[in-house]
Amino acid sequence: MGFIRLSLKYYSIAFTLFILIGIWTFQNSQGEINTETLLHVYKYGPEPLINEINDSYSEVAEYLQQVAINPDSVKITSCTNAKETDKGWFVSCKYTAKNKRGAVSEGSNGFYISNNKVILREK
């Protein structure tokens, strides 16, 4: 049993090193390594990617479908670019969805994303 624990420890260390090396190769547009961005990516995961076709984030779409009264009616109309914050990646999105009465209503919220999941929604 001790061998398994030891081996899991080494796999965990190797995986962490693999991630750190991958993050270290991440460079900003000037070709310089930004250590603050590297630490942010290590802590909160990679920057969420915006879908260029419908101007939305899959993380936000999944979250809204989970909390919506009528999940099939959720349509994201626009989102801002992701920004680094001390709570994760922040995006603001506008969307429409049907309410309890079946009428389409508009909404706008800020969302904090960490490791490909919405962790906090701001009103």
Foldseek 3Di string as FASTA:
>chain_A
DVVVVVVVVVVVVVVLVVLLVVLQCDPDPVRDRDVVVSVLCSFFNDFFDADPVQAHGPQVLVVCLVPAPHSVFKGWRHKDGWDDDPQATKMKTKIWGAHPVRDIDIDIWMFHHGPSHTDDIGD
